[in-house]
Amino acid sequence: MAVKNRLHRSELAVPGSNLRMLEKAPSSGADVVFLDLEDAVAPDDKEQARINVINALNNYDWSKCAVSVRINGLDTHYMYRDLVDVMEQAGDKLDTILIPKVGSAADVHLVATLMEQIEAAMGYQQVNIHVLIETAQGMYNVDEIAAACPQRMEAMVFGVADYAASIRARTTQIGGANANYQVLSGEPNDPNRQYFWGDPWHYAISRMVVACRANGLRPIDGPFGAIDDPDAFRAAAHAAAALGVEGKWAIHPSQIELANEIYTPSDAELTRATRILEMMEEAAREGKGAVTLDGRLIDAASIRQAEVVVAQHQQIANR
């Protein structure tokens, strides 16, 4: 079975039609690179992009990162040739196939069946599946999608731009805050009333995270369009991380370092997690079920939280 616990702090999007970006991608510093045959490639360039991606997979050194290919949607005539050509000609170089606009478990089963047959015919090891949840239908069916193919499914990505279009959200931004999504405090005659902004994507991300964690998948946040606004990227990434997300797309190389930084446990988080484990070990020896650390109760649940932080730190250090 293919690796399913790899790092996903940063996932770099690379258009299959951009030869220069393809060449630089393996050494970009991203945990995952996905070579894009879908949205980033114009219709007239689809066939050449497919050739470019196959050449890049076969001729570049991908040992510094995981590598994926985003095929075209199942509702297009490009999809089957993307999957067959890429898998047959370079399936032994791939870690995952990224399926866009997944609407139901049937979409996953279709792709997984084709992949299984190609792997058997070519003698390849298993290639995993990433799915994009970026439509109202996909979010409605997110539980069945997450459970569709447990041996092969690895991660889910929240695709905010297409999702916003699908639900007819009143925004043209790719992720981030919306000035109209806010509440007004106080009473009508209160001179100190203030507006407080909210996160319009909180529910969608939380919903996907629950489906992922219930099925052993990695929840990843998708693109952030304002590549000239690192502070806003950080804010969006921190908010998603607080909800349980463990990585974010980088649609520009400048976003890779930001994502890696945010989704790496800080020194303070690691120190506290290590102290929790040490104190709970001592408590166990003394027959105690819970103790206090810095004035806060810690118990068995604290151990599980701390173990996640320490394990992630170790995984990053090993990389």
C-alpha atoms as a PDB file:
ATOM      1  CA  MET A   1       0.000   0.000   0.000  1.00  0.00           C
ATOM      2  CA  ALA A   2       1.262   3.494  -0.877  1.00  0.00           C
ATOM      3  CA  VAL A   3       2.286   5.998   1.799  1.00  0.00           C
ATOM      4  CA  LYS A   4      -0.677   7.870   3.264  1.00  0.00           C
ATOM      5  CA  ASN A   5       0.909   9.840   6.110  1.00  0.00           C
ATOM      6  CA  ARG A   6       3.209  12.089   4.101  1.00  0.00           C
ATOM      7  CA  LEU A   7       3.560  15.796   4.865  1.00  0.00           C
ATOM      8  CA  HIS A   8       1.098  18.151   3.177  1.00  0.00           C
ATOM      9  CA  ARG A   9       2.036  21.492   4.748  1.00  0.00           C
ATOM     10  CA  SER A  10       2.452  23.088   1.322  1.00  0.00           C
ATOM     11  CA  GLU A  11       1.098  21.895  -2.014  1.00  0.00           C
ATOM     12  CA  LEU A  12       2.494  23.827  -4.973  1.00  0.00           C
ATOM     13  CA  ALA A  13       0.334  24.199  -8.072  1.00  0.00           C
ATOM     14  CA  VAL A  14       2.342  24.008 -11.324  1.00  0.00           C
ATOM     15  CA  PRO A  15       0.677  24.516 -14.729  1.00  0.00           C
ATOM     16  CA  GLY A  16       1.483  21.681 -17.112  1.00  0.00           C
ATOM     17  CA  SER A  17       1.847  24.213 -19.905  1.00  0.00           C
ATOM     18  CA  ASN A  18       4.659  26.141 -18.168  1.00  0.00           C
ATOM     19  CA  LEU A  19       7.967  24.417 -18.939  1.00  0.00           C
ATOM     20  CA  ARG A  20      10.016  26.767 -16.751  1.00  0.00           C
ATOM     21  CA  MET A  21       7.862  26.156 -13.687  1.00  0.00           C
ATOM     22  CA  LEU A  22       7.874  22.401 -14.305  1.00  0.00           C
ATOM     23  CA  GLU A  23      11.653  22.401 -14.300  1.00  0.00           C
ATOM     24  CA  LYS A  24      11.892  24.336 -11.037  1.00  0.00           C
ATOM     25  CA  ALA A  25       9.109  22.521  -9.199  1.00  0.00           C
ATOM     26  CA  PRO A  26      11.061  19.525  -7.783  1.00  0.00           C
ATOM     27  CA  SER A  27      13.364  21.794  -5.776  1.00  0.00           C
ATOM     28  CA  SER A  28      10.723  24.354  -4.759  1.00  0.00           C
ATOM     29  CA  GLY A  29      10.649  23.319  -1.104  1.00  0.00           C
ATOM     30  CA  ALA A  30       6.995  22.287  -1.192  1.00  0.00           C
ATOM     31  CA  ASP A  31       5.967  19.068   0.534  1.00  0.00           C
ATOM     32  CA  VAL A  32       3.749  18.186  -2.434  1.00  0.00           C
ATOM     33  CA  VAL A  33       3.855  19.424  -6.020  1.00  0.00           C
ATOM     34  CA  PHE A  34       0.821  18.912  -8.203  1.00  0.00           C
ATOM     35  CA  LEU A  35       1.230  19.246 -11.938  1.00  0.00           C
ATOM     36  CA  ASP A  36      -1.957  20.808 -13.231  1.00  0.00           C
ATOM     37  CA  LEU A  37      -3.749  19.747 -16.407  1.00  0.00           C
ATOM     38  CA  GLU A  38      -7.027  21.393 -15.463  1.00  0.00           C
ATOM     39  CA  ASP A  39      -7.816  25.034 -14.607  1.00  0.00           C
ATOM     40  CA  ALA A  40      -4.300  26.401 -15.144  1.00  0.00           C
ATOM     41  CA  VAL A  41      -4.163  25.121 -18.744  1.00  0.00           C
ATOM     42  CA  ALA A  42      -6.061  26.659 -21.665  1.00  0.00           C
ATOM     43  CA  PRO A  43      -8.131  24.260 -23.825  1.00  0.00           C
ATOM     44  CA  ASP A  44      -5.818  24.624 -26.817  1.00  0.00           C
ATOM     45  CA  ASP A  45      -2.828  23.665 -24.644  1.00  0.00           C
ATOM     46  CA  LYS A  46      -4.304  20.573 -22.967  1.00  0.00           C
ATOM     47  CA  GLU A  47      -2.618  17.933 -25.131  1.00  0.00           C
ATOM     48  CA  GLN A  48       0.807  19.565 -25.044  1.00  0.00           C
ATOM     49  CA  ALA A  49       0.515  20.101 -21.277  1.00  0.00           C
ATOM     50  CA  ARG A  50      -0.151  16.383 -20.860  1.00  0.00           C
ATOM     51  CA  ILE A  51       3.016  15.587 -22.820  1.00  0.00           C
ATOM     52  CA  ASN A  52       4.969  18.129 -20.775  1.00  0.00           C
ATOM     53  CA  VAL A  53       3.794  16.614 -17.491  1.00  0.00           C
ATOM     54  CA  ILE A  54       4.699  13.072 -18.543  1.00  0.00           C
ATOM     55  CA  ASN A  55       8.166  14.254 -19.605  1.00  0.00           C
ATOM     56  CA  ALA A  56       8.632  16.121 -16.323  1.00  0.00           C
ATOM     57  CA  LEU A  57       7.615  13.086 -14.267  1.00  0.00           C
ATOM     58  CA  ASN A  58      10.011  10.821 -16.128  1.00  0.00           C
ATOM     59  CA  ASN A  59      13.005  13.136 -16.429  1.00  0.00           C
ATOM     60  CA  TYR A  60      13.159  15.220 -13.237  1.00  0.00           C
ATOM     61  CA  ASP A  61      14.228  14.169  -9.748  1.00  0.00           C
ATOM     62  CA  TRP A  62      11.161  14.174  -7.470  1.00  0.00           C
ATOM     63  CA  SER A  63      12.913  12.744  -4.418  1.00  0.00           C
ATOM     64  CA  LYS A  64      12.605  16.019  -2.460  1.00  0.00           C
ATOM     65  CA  CYS A  65       8.800  16.122  -2.545  1.00  0.00           C
ATOM     66  CA  ALA A  66       5.686  14.104  -3.255  1.00  0.00           C
ATOM     67  CA  VAL A  67       4.295  14.582  -6.767  1.00  0.00           C
ATOM     68  CA  SER A  68       0.718  14.555  -8.013  1.00  0.00           C
ATOM     69  CA  VAL A  69      -1.163  15.297 -11.226  1.00  0.00           C
ATOM     70  CA  ARG A  70      -4.497  17.103 -11.343  1.00  0.00           C
ATOM     71  CA  ILE A  71      -6.448  15.586 -14.195  1.00  0.00           C
ATOM     72  CA  ASN A  72      -9.322  17.342 -15.912  1.00  0.00           C
ATOM     73  CA  GLY A  73     -12.830  16.932 -14.560  1.00  0.00           C
ATOM     74  CA  LEU A  74     -14.921  13.832 -15.167  1.00  0.00           C
ATOM     75  CA  ASP A  75     -17.387  15.981 -17.075  1.00  0.00           C
ATOM     76  CA  THR A  76     -14.787  16.743 -19.798  1.00  0.00           C
ATOM     77  CA  HIS A  77     -13.444  14.678 -22.661  1.00  0.00           C
ATOM     78  CA  TYR A  78      -9.873  15.393 -21.552  1.00  0.00           C
ATOM     79  CA  MET A  79     -10.147  13.352 -18.364  1.00  0.00           C
ATOM     80  CA  TYR A  80      -9.807   9.774 -19.617  1.00  0.00           C
ATOM     81  CA  ARG A  81      -6.768  10.560 -21.770  1.00  0.00           C
ATOM     82  CA  ASP A  82      -5.153  12.475 -18.883  1.00  0.00           C
ATOM     83  CA  LEU A  83      -5.530   9.500 -16.588  1.00  0.00           C
ATOM     84  CA  VAL A  84      -4.599   6.764 -19.058  1.00  0.00           C
ATOM     85  CA  ASP A  85      -1.613   8.521 -20.636  1.00  0.00           C
ATOM     86  CA  VAL A  86      -0.144   9.831 -17.384  1.00  0.00           C
ATOM     87  CA  MET A  87      -0.665   6.590 -15.472  1.00  0.00           C
ATOM     88  CA  GLU A  88       0.564   4.305 -18.254  1.00  0.00           C
ATOM     89  CA  GLN A  89       3.596   6.387 -19.154  1.00  0.00           C
ATOM     90  CA  ALA A  90       4.621   7.736 -15.737  1.00  0.00           C
ATOM     91  CA  GLY A  91       2.524   5.979 -13.087  1.00  0.00           C
ATOM     92  CA  ASP A  92       5.629   4.640 -11.378  1.00  0.00           C
ATOM     93  CA  LYS A  93       6.729   8.228 -10.639  1.00  0.00           C
ATOM     94  CA  LEU A  94       3.435   9.395  -9.122  1.00  0.00           C
ATOM     95  CA  ASP A  95       2.335   9.607  -5.509  1.00  0.00           C
ATOM     96  CA  THR A  96      -1.256  10.724  -6.104  1.00  0.00           C
ATOM     97  CA  ILE A  97      -3.821  11.625  -8.735  1.00  0.00           C
ATOM     98  CA  LEU A  98      -5.828  14.743  -7.881  1.00  0.00           C
ATOM     99  CA  ILE A  99      -9.473  14.580  -9.016  1.00  0.00           C
ATOM    100  CA  PRO A 100     -11.212  17.955  -9.402  1.00  0.00           C
ATOM    101  CA  LYS A 101     -14.875  18.759  -8.735  1.00  0.00           C
ATOM    102  CA  VAL A 102     -15.696  15.446  -7.105  1.00  0.00           C
ATOM    103  CA  GLY A 103     -19.453  15.307  -6.587  1.00  0.00           C
ATOM    104  CA  SER A 104     -20.076  11.776  -5.349  1.00  0.00           C
ATOM    105  CA  ALA A 105     -18.403   8.535  -4.345  1.00  0.00           C
ATOM    106  CA  ALA A 106     -19.064   7.243  -7.863  1.00  0.00           C
ATOM    107  CA  ASP A 107     -16.558   9.770  -9.243  1.00  0.00           C
ATOM    108  CA  VAL A 108     -13.851   8.344  -6.982  1.00  0.00           C
ATOM    109  CA  HIS A 109     -14.762   4.754  -7.807  1.00  0.00           C
ATOM    110  CA  LEU A 110     -14.516   5.431 -11.557  1.00  0.00           C
ATOM    111  CA  VAL A 111     -11.019   6.876 -11.332  1.00  0.00           C
ATOM    112  CA  ALA A 112      -9.870   4.280  -8.787  1.00  0.00           C
ATOM    113  CA  THR A 113     -11.039   1.410 -11.017  1.00  0.00           C
ATOM    114  CA  LEU A 114      -9.160   2.740 -14.026  1.00  0.00           C
ATOM    115  CA  MET A 115      -6.052   3.300 -11.914  1.00  0.00           C
ATOM    116  CA  GLU A 116      -6.204  -0.226 -10.520  1.00  0.00           C
ATOM    117  CA  GLN A 117      -6.428  -1.730 -13.995  1.00  0.00           C
ATOM    118  CA  ILE A 118      -3.526   0.355 -15.323  1.00  0.00           C
ATOM    119  CA  GLU A 119      -1.373  -0.514 -12.305  1.00  0.00           C
ATOM    120  CA  ALA A 120      -2.075  -4.210 -12.803  1.00  0.00           C
ATOM    121  CA  ALA A 121      -1.310  -4.049 -16.530  1.00  0.00           C
ATOM    122  CA  MET A 122       1.884  -2.034 -16.082  1.00  0.00           C
ATOM    123  CA  GLY A 123       3.127  -3.683 -12.887  1.00  0.00           C
ATOM    124  CA  TYR A 124       3.107  -0.393 -10.960  1.00  0.00           C
ATOM    125  CA  GLN A 125       2.729   0.117  -7.227  1.00  0.00           C
ATOM    126  CA  GLN A 126      -0.441   1.764  -5.966  1.00  0.00           C
ATOM    127  CA  VAL A 127      -0.929   5.467  -6.648  1.00  0.00           C
ATOM    128  CA  ASN A 128      -3.153   7.259  -4.135  1.00  0.00           C
ATOM    129  CA  ILE A 129      -6.019   9.688  -4.707  1.00  0.00           C
ATOM    130  CA  HIS A 130      -6.515  13.320  -3.694  1.00  0.00           C
ATOM    131  CA  VAL A 131      -9.989  14.805  -4.203  1.00  0.00           C
ATOM    132  CA  LEU A 132     -11.106  18.399  -4.525  1.00  0.00           C
ATOM    133  CA  ILE A 133     -14.306  19.366  -2.741  1.00  0.00           C
ATOM    134  CA  GLU A 134     -15.297  22.465  -4.673  1.00  0.00           C
ATOM    135  CA  THR A 135     -18.998  22.206  -5.502  1.00  0.00           C
ATOM    136  CA  ALA A 136     -22.239  22.279  -3.546  1.00  0.00           C
ATOM    137  CA  GLN A 137     -22.836  18.667  -4.569  1.00  0.00           C
ATOM    138  CA  GLY A 138     -19.391  17.639  -3.371  1.00  0.00           C
ATOM    139  CA  MET A 139     -19.901  19.279   0.023  1.00  0.00           C
ATOM    140  CA  TYR A 140     -23.377  17.748   0.299  1.00  0.00           C
ATOM    141  CA  ASN A 141     -21.879  14.287  -0.329  1.00  0.00           C
ATOM    142  CA  VAL A 142     -18.579  14.865   1.481  1.00  0.00           C
ATOM    143  CA  ASP A 143     -19.081  11.981   3.927  1.00  0.00           C
ATOM    144  CA  GLU A 144     -19.686   9.348   1.258  1.00  0.00           C
ATOM    145  CA  ILE A 145     -16.817  10.735  -0.816  1.00  0.00           C
ATOM    146  CA  ALA A 146     -14.423  10.527   2.152  1.00  0.00           C
ATOM    147  CA  ALA A 147     -15.374   6.879   2.675  1.00  0.00           C
ATOM    148  CA  ALA A 148     -15.353   5.933  -1.015  1.00  0.00           C
ATOM    149  CA  CYS A 149     -11.992   4.221  -1.381  1.00  0.00           C
ATOM    150  CA  PRO A 150     -10.236   3.760   1.963  1.00  0.00           C
ATOM    151  CA  GLN A 151      -7.265   1.832   0.544  1.00  0.00           C
ATOM    152  CA  ARG A 152      -6.401   4.571  -1.953  1.00  0.00           C
ATOM    153  CA  MET A 153      -7.818   7.873  -0.707  1.00  0.00           C
ATOM    154  CA  GLU A 154      -5.207  10.103   0.923  1.00  0.00           C
ATOM    155  CA  ALA A 155      -6.412  13.699   1.172  1.00  0.00           C
ATOM    156  CA  MET A 156      -9.229  16.143   0.545  1.00  0.00           C
ATOM    157  CA  VAL A 157      -8.718  19.722  -0.588  1.00  0.00           C
ATOM    158  CA  PHE A 158     -11.209  22.566  -0.155  1.00  0.00           C
ATOM    159  CA  GLY A 159     -11.401  24.397  -3.488  1.00  0.00           C
ATOM    160  CA  VAL A 160     -12.740  27.755  -2.404  1.00  0.00           C
ATOM    161  CA  ALA A 161     -13.061  29.485  -5.799  1.00  0.00           C
ATOM    162  CA  ASP A 162     -15.235  26.929  -7.573  1.00  0.00           C
ATOM    163  CA  TYR A 163     -17.111  26.277  -4.337  1.00  0.00           C
ATOM    164  CA  ALA A 164     -17.977  29.972  -4.064  1.00  0.00           C
ATOM    165  CA  ALA A 165     -19.245  29.935  -7.645  1.00  0.00           C
ATOM    166  CA  SER A 166     -21.200  26.737  -7.057  1.00  0.00           C
ATOM    167  CA  ILE A 167     -23.092  28.111  -4.048  1.00  0.00           C
ATOM    168  CA  ARG A 168     -23.396  31.540  -5.711  1.00  0.00           C
ATOM    169  CA  ALA A 169     -21.528  33.300  -2.938  1.00  0.00           C
ATOM    170  CA  ARG A 170     -21.287  37.018  -3.609  1.00  0.00           C
ATOM    171  CA  THR A 171     -17.546  37.231  -4.045  1.00  0.00           C
ATOM    172  CA  THR A 172     -15.016  37.122  -6.856  1.00  0.00           C
ATOM    173  CA  GLN A 173     -12.038  36.619  -4.537  1.00  0.00           C
ATOM    174  CA  ILE A 174     -10.157  33.339  -4.234  1.00  0.00           C
ATOM    175  CA  GLY A 175     -10.379  32.728  -0.483  1.00  0.00           C
ATOM    176  CA  GLY A 176      -9.922  35.164   2.344  1.00  0.00           C
ATOM    177  CA  ALA A 177     -12.288  37.532   4.108  1.00  0.00           C
ATOM    178  CA  ASN A 178     -15.318  39.271   2.682  1.00  0.00           C
ATOM    179  CA  ALA A 179     -16.228  42.751   3.906  1.00  0.00           C
ATOM    180  CA  ASN A 180     -19.922  41.917   3.679  1.00  0.00           C
ATOM    181  CA  TYR A 181     -19.643  38.918   5.990  1.00  0.00           C
ATOM    182  CA  GLN A 182     -19.862  40.695   9.325  1.00  0.00           C
ATOM    183  CA  VAL A 183     -22.065  41.408  12.311  1.00  0.00           C
ATOM    184  CA  LEU A 184     -22.874  44.740  13.954  1.00  0.00           C
ATOM    185  CA  SER A 185     -22.614  44.939  17.713  1.00  0.00           C
ATOM    186  CA  GLY A 186     -24.679  46.863  20.220  1.00  0.00           C
ATOM    187  CA  GLU A 187     -28.084  48.531  20.245  1.00  0.00           C
ATOM    188  CA  PRO A 188     -29.417  50.943  17.585  1.00  0.00           C
ATOM    189  CA  ASN A 189     -28.509  54.077  19.551  1.00  0.00           C
ATOM    190  CA  ASP A 190     -25.169  52.831  20.871  1.00  0.00           C
ATOM    191  CA  PRO A 191     -22.451  55.273  19.673  1.00  0.00           C
ATOM    192  CA  ASN A 192     -19.783  52.583  20.178  1.00  0.00           C
ATOM    193  CA  ARG A 193     -21.241  49.991  17.846  1.00  0.00           C
ATOM    194  CA  GLN A 194     -18.620  48.064  15.870  1.00  0.00           C
ATOM    195  CA  TYR A 195     -18.511  45.766  12.884  1.00  0.00           C
ATOM    196  CA  PHE A 196     -16.867  42.374  13.357  1.00  0.00           C
ATOM    197  CA  TRP A 197     -15.808  40.348  10.357  1.00  0.00           C
ATOM    198  CA  GLY A 198     -16.300  36.611  10.183  1.00  0.00           C
ATOM    199  CA  ASP A 199     -14.786  33.822   8.088  1.00  0.00           C
ATOM    200  CA  PRO A 200     -17.245  32.921   5.309  1.00  0.00           C
ATOM    201  CA  TRP A 201     -15.487  29.570   4.740  1.00  0.00           C
ATOM    202  CA  HIS A 202     -15.538  28.404   8.363  1.00  0.00           C
ATOM    203  CA  TYR A 203     -18.442  25.972   7.948  1.00  0.00           C
ATOM    204  CA  ALA A 204     -17.222  24.459   4.688  1.00  0.00           C
ATOM    205  CA  ILE A 205     -13.708  23.837   5.968  1.00  0.00           C
ATOM    206  CA  SER A 206     -14.945  22.455   9.291  1.00  0.00           C
ATOM    207  CA  ARG A 207     -17.358  20.158   7.482  1.00  0.00           C
ATOM    208  CA  MET A 208     -14.605  18.773   5.265  1.00  0.00           C
ATOM    209  CA  VAL A 209     -12.197  18.366   8.200  1.00  0.00           C
ATOM    210  CA  VAL A 210     -14.714  16.213  10.090  1.00  0.00           C
ATOM    211  CA  ALA A 211     -15.248  13.980   7.040  1.00  0.00           C
ATOM    212  CA  CYS A 212     -11.486  13.642   6.595  1.00  0.00           C
ATOM    213  CA  ARG A 213     -10.653  12.824  10.194  1.00  0.00           C
ATOM    214  CA  ALA A 214     -13.498  10.315  10.453  1.00  0.00           C
ATOM    215  CA  ASN A 215     -12.010   8.452   7.485  1.00  0.00           C
ATOM    216  CA  GLY A 216      -8.267   8.831   8.069  1.00  0.00           C
ATOM    217  CA  LEU A 217      -7.709  11.450   5.350  1.00  0.00           C
ATOM    218  CA  ARG A 218      -5.581  14.604   5.369  1.00  0.00           C
ATOM    219  CA  PRO A 219      -7.612  17.861   5.156  1.00  0.00           C
ATOM    220  CA  ILE A 220      -5.922  20.513   2.997  1.00  0.00           C
ATOM    221  CA  ASP A 221      -7.005  24.108   2.386  1.00  0.00           C
ATOM    222  CA  GLY A 222      -6.925  25.234  -1.224  1.00  0.00           C
ATOM    223  CA  PRO A 223      -5.814  28.396  -3.011  1.00  0.00           C
ATOM    224  CA  PHE A 224      -5.446  31.951  -1.760  1.00  0.00           C
ATOM    225  CA  GLY A 225      -5.562  34.398  -4.641  1.00  0.00           C
ATOM    226  CA  ALA A 226      -3.874  37.488  -3.191  1.00  0.00           C
ATOM    227  CA  ILE A 227      -0.273  36.478  -3.784  1.00  0.00           C
ATOM    228  CA  ASP A 228       0.878  40.025  -2.939  1.00  0.00           C
ATOM    229  CA  ASP A 229      -0.666  39.864   0.559  1.00  0.00           C
ATOM    230  CA  PRO A 230       1.325  37.446   2.756  1.00  0.00           C
ATOM    231  CA  ASP A 231      -0.329  38.726   5.935  1.00  0.00           C
ATOM    232  CA  ALA A 232      -3.774  37.780   4.650  1.00  0.00           C
ATOM    233  CA  PHE A 233      -2.428  34.388   3.518  1.00  0.00           C
ATOM    234  CA  ARG A 234      -1.079  33.807   7.027  1.00  0.00           C
ATOM    235  CA  ALA A 235      -4.405  34.781   8.581  1.00  0.00           C
ATOM    236  CA  ALA A 236      -6.356  32.387   6.346  1.00  0.00           C
ATOM    237  CA  ALA A 237      -3.873  29.573   6.896  1.00  0.00           C
ATOM    238  CA  HIS A 238      -3.814  30.042  10.669  1.00  0.00           C
ATOM    239  CA  ALA A 239      -7.627  30.018  10.782  1.00  0.00           C
ATOM    240  CA  ALA A 240      -7.742  26.775   8.793  1.00  0.00           C
ATOM    241  CA  ALA A 241      -5.019  25.227  10.965  1.00  0.00           C
ATOM    242  CA  ALA A 242      -7.035  26.068  14.073  1.00  0.00           C
ATOM    243  CA  LEU A 243      -9.882  23.992  12.625  1.00  0.00           C
ATOM    244  CA  GLY A 244      -7.689  20.933  12.035  1.00  0.00           C
ATOM    245  CA  VAL A 245      -6.393  21.534   8.513  1.00  0.00           C
ATOM    246  CA  GLU A 246      -2.792  20.405   8.045  1.00  0.00           C
ATOM    247  CA  GLY A 247      -1.696  22.131   4.858  1.00  0.00           C
ATOM    248  CA  LYS A 248      -2.491  24.687   2.185  1.00  0.00           C
ATOM    249  CA  TRP A 249      -2.018  25.177  -1.519  1.00  0.00           C
ATOM    250  CA  ALA A 250       0.633  27.529  -2.826  1.00  0.00           C
ATOM    251  CA  ILE A 251      -0.371  29.020  -6.154  1.00  0.00           C
ATOM    252  CA  HIS A 252       2.862  31.021  -6.226  1.00  0.00           C
ATOM    253  CA  PRO A 253       6.307  29.942  -4.983  1.00  0.00           C
ATOM    254  CA  SER A 254       6.306  32.802  -2.461  1.00  0.00           C
ATOM    255  CA  GLN A 255       3.487  31.060  -0.586  1.00  0.00           C
ATOM    256  CA  ILE A 256       5.442  27.819  -0.018  1.00  0.00           C
ATOM    257  CA  GLU A 257       7.572  29.115   2.854  1.00  0.00           C
ATOM    258  CA  LEU A 258       4.511  30.728   4.455  1.00  0.00           C
ATOM    259  CA  ALA A 259       2.562  27.476   4.390  1.00  0.00           C
ATOM    260  CA  ASN A 260       5.500  25.434   5.678  1.00  0.00           C
ATOM    261  CA  GLU A 261       5.982  27.886   8.523  1.00  0.00           C
ATOM    262  CA  ILE A 262       2.338  27.982   9.588  1.00  0.00           C
ATOM    263  CA  TYR A 263       1.745  24.233   9.420  1.00  0.00           C
ATOM    264  CA  THR A 264       4.943  23.385  11.299  1.00  0.00           C
ATOM    265  CA  PRO A 265       4.498  23.217  15.101  1.00  0.00           C
ATOM    266  CA  SER A 266       6.178  26.218  16.703  1.00  0.00           C
ATOM    267  CA  ASP A 267       8.953  25.829  19.264  1.00  0.00           C
ATOM    268  CA  ALA A 268       6.502  26.868  21.978  1.00  0.00           C
ATOM    269  CA  GLU A 269       3.934  24.281  20.858  1.00  0.00           C
ATOM    270  CA  LEU A 270       6.577  21.549  20.756  1.00  0.00           C
ATOM    271  CA  THR A 271       7.944  22.492  24.174  1.00  0.00           C
ATOM    272  CA  ARG A 272       4.486  22.433  25.742  1.00  0.00           C
ATOM    273  CA  ALA A 273       3.592  19.126  24.069  1.00  0.00           C
ATOM    274  CA  THR A 274       6.823  17.560  25.323  1.00  0.00           C
ATOM    275  CA  ARG A 275       6.175  18.827  28.853  1.00  0.00           C
ATOM    276  CA  ILE A 276       2.641  17.410  28.760  1.00  0.00           C
ATOM    277  CA  LEU A 277       3.928  13.977  27.817  1.00  0.00           C
ATOM    278  CA  GLU A 278       6.614  14.099  30.500  1.00  0.00           C
ATOM    279  CA  MET A 279       4.185  15.229  33.193  1.00  0.00           C
ATOM    280  CA  MET A 280       1.574  12.643  32.268  1.00  0.00           C
ATOM    281  CA  GLU A 281       4.231   9.928  32.366  1.00  0.00           C
ATOM    282  CA  GLU A 282       5.115  11.037  35.863  1.00  0.00           C
ATOM    283  CA  ALA A 283       1.426  11.199  36.816  1.00  0.00           C
ATOM    284  CA  ALA A 284       0.918   7.637  35.567  1.00  0.00           C
ATOM    285  CA  ARG A 285       3.778   6.417  37.737  1.00  0.00           C
ATOM    286  CA  GLU A 286       2.138   8.102  40.719  1.00  0.00           C
ATOM    287  CA  GLY A 287      -1.286   6.677  39.883  1.00  0.00           C
ATOM    288  CA  LYS A 288      -2.815  10.046  38.928  1.00  0.00           C
ATOM    289  CA  GLY A 289      -5.220  10.450  35.994  1.00  0.00           C
ATOM    290  CA  ALA A 290      -4.844  14.208  35.604  1.00  0.00           C
ATOM    291  CA  VAL A 291      -2.496  16.989  36.715  1.00  0.00           C
ATOM    292  CA  THR A 292      -2.114  20.710  36.139  1.00  0.00           C
ATOM    293  CA  LEU A 293       0.457  22.405  33.958  1.00  0.00           C
ATOM    294  CA  ASP A 294       0.834  26.199  34.094  1.00  0.00           C
ATOM    295  CA  GLY A 295      -2.519  26.402  35.859  1.00  0.00           C
ATOM    296  CA  ARG A 296      -4.402  24.295  33.289  1.00  0.00           C
ATOM    297  CA  LEU A 297      -5.785  20.798  33.635  1.00  0.00           C
ATOM    298  CA  ILE A 298      -4.144  18.115  31.491  1.00  0.00           C
ATOM    299  CA  ASP A 299      -5.425  14.553  31.197  1.00  0.00           C
ATOM    300  CA  ALA A 300      -5.567  11.615  28.772  1.00  0.00           C
ATOM    301  CA  ALA A 301      -7.021  13.816  26.023  1.00  0.00           C
ATOM    302  CA  SER A 302      -4.069  16.171  26.452  1.00  0.00           C
ATOM    303  CA  ILE A 303      -1.729  13.241  25.787  1.00  0.00           C
ATOM    304  CA  ARG A 304      -3.385  12.535  22.439  1.00  0.00           C
ATOM    305  CA  GLN A 305      -3.135  16.193  21.423  1.00  0.00           C
ATOM    306  CA  ALA A 306       0.505  16.385  22.476  1.00  0.00           C
ATOM    307  CA  GLU A 307       1.395  13.165  20.673  1.00  0.00           C
ATOM    308  CA  VAL A 308       0.080  14.623  17.404  1.00  0.00           C
ATOM    309  CA  VAL A 309       2.347  17.677  17.758  1.00  0.00           C
ATOM    310  CA  VAL A 310       5.431  15.644  18.644  1.00  0.00           C
ATOM    311  CA  ALA A 311       4.832  13.138  15.834  1.00  0.00           C
ATOM    312  CA  GLN A 312       4.431  15.904  13.267  1.00  0.00           C
ATOM    313  CA  HIS A 313       7.616  17.586  14.464  1.00  0.00           C
ATOM    314  CA  GLN A 314       9.494  14.311  14.116  1.00  0.00           C
ATOM    315  CA  GLN A 315       8.102  13.739  10.630  1.00  0.00           C
ATOM    316  CA  ILE A 316       9.267  17.200   9.542  1.00  0.00           C
ATOM    317  CA  ALA A 317      12.690  16.672  11.120  1.00  0.00           C
ATOM    318  CA  ASN A 318      13.073  13.346   9.292  1.00  0.00           C
ATOM    319  CA  ARG A 319      12.245  15.004   5.983  1.00  0.00           C
END
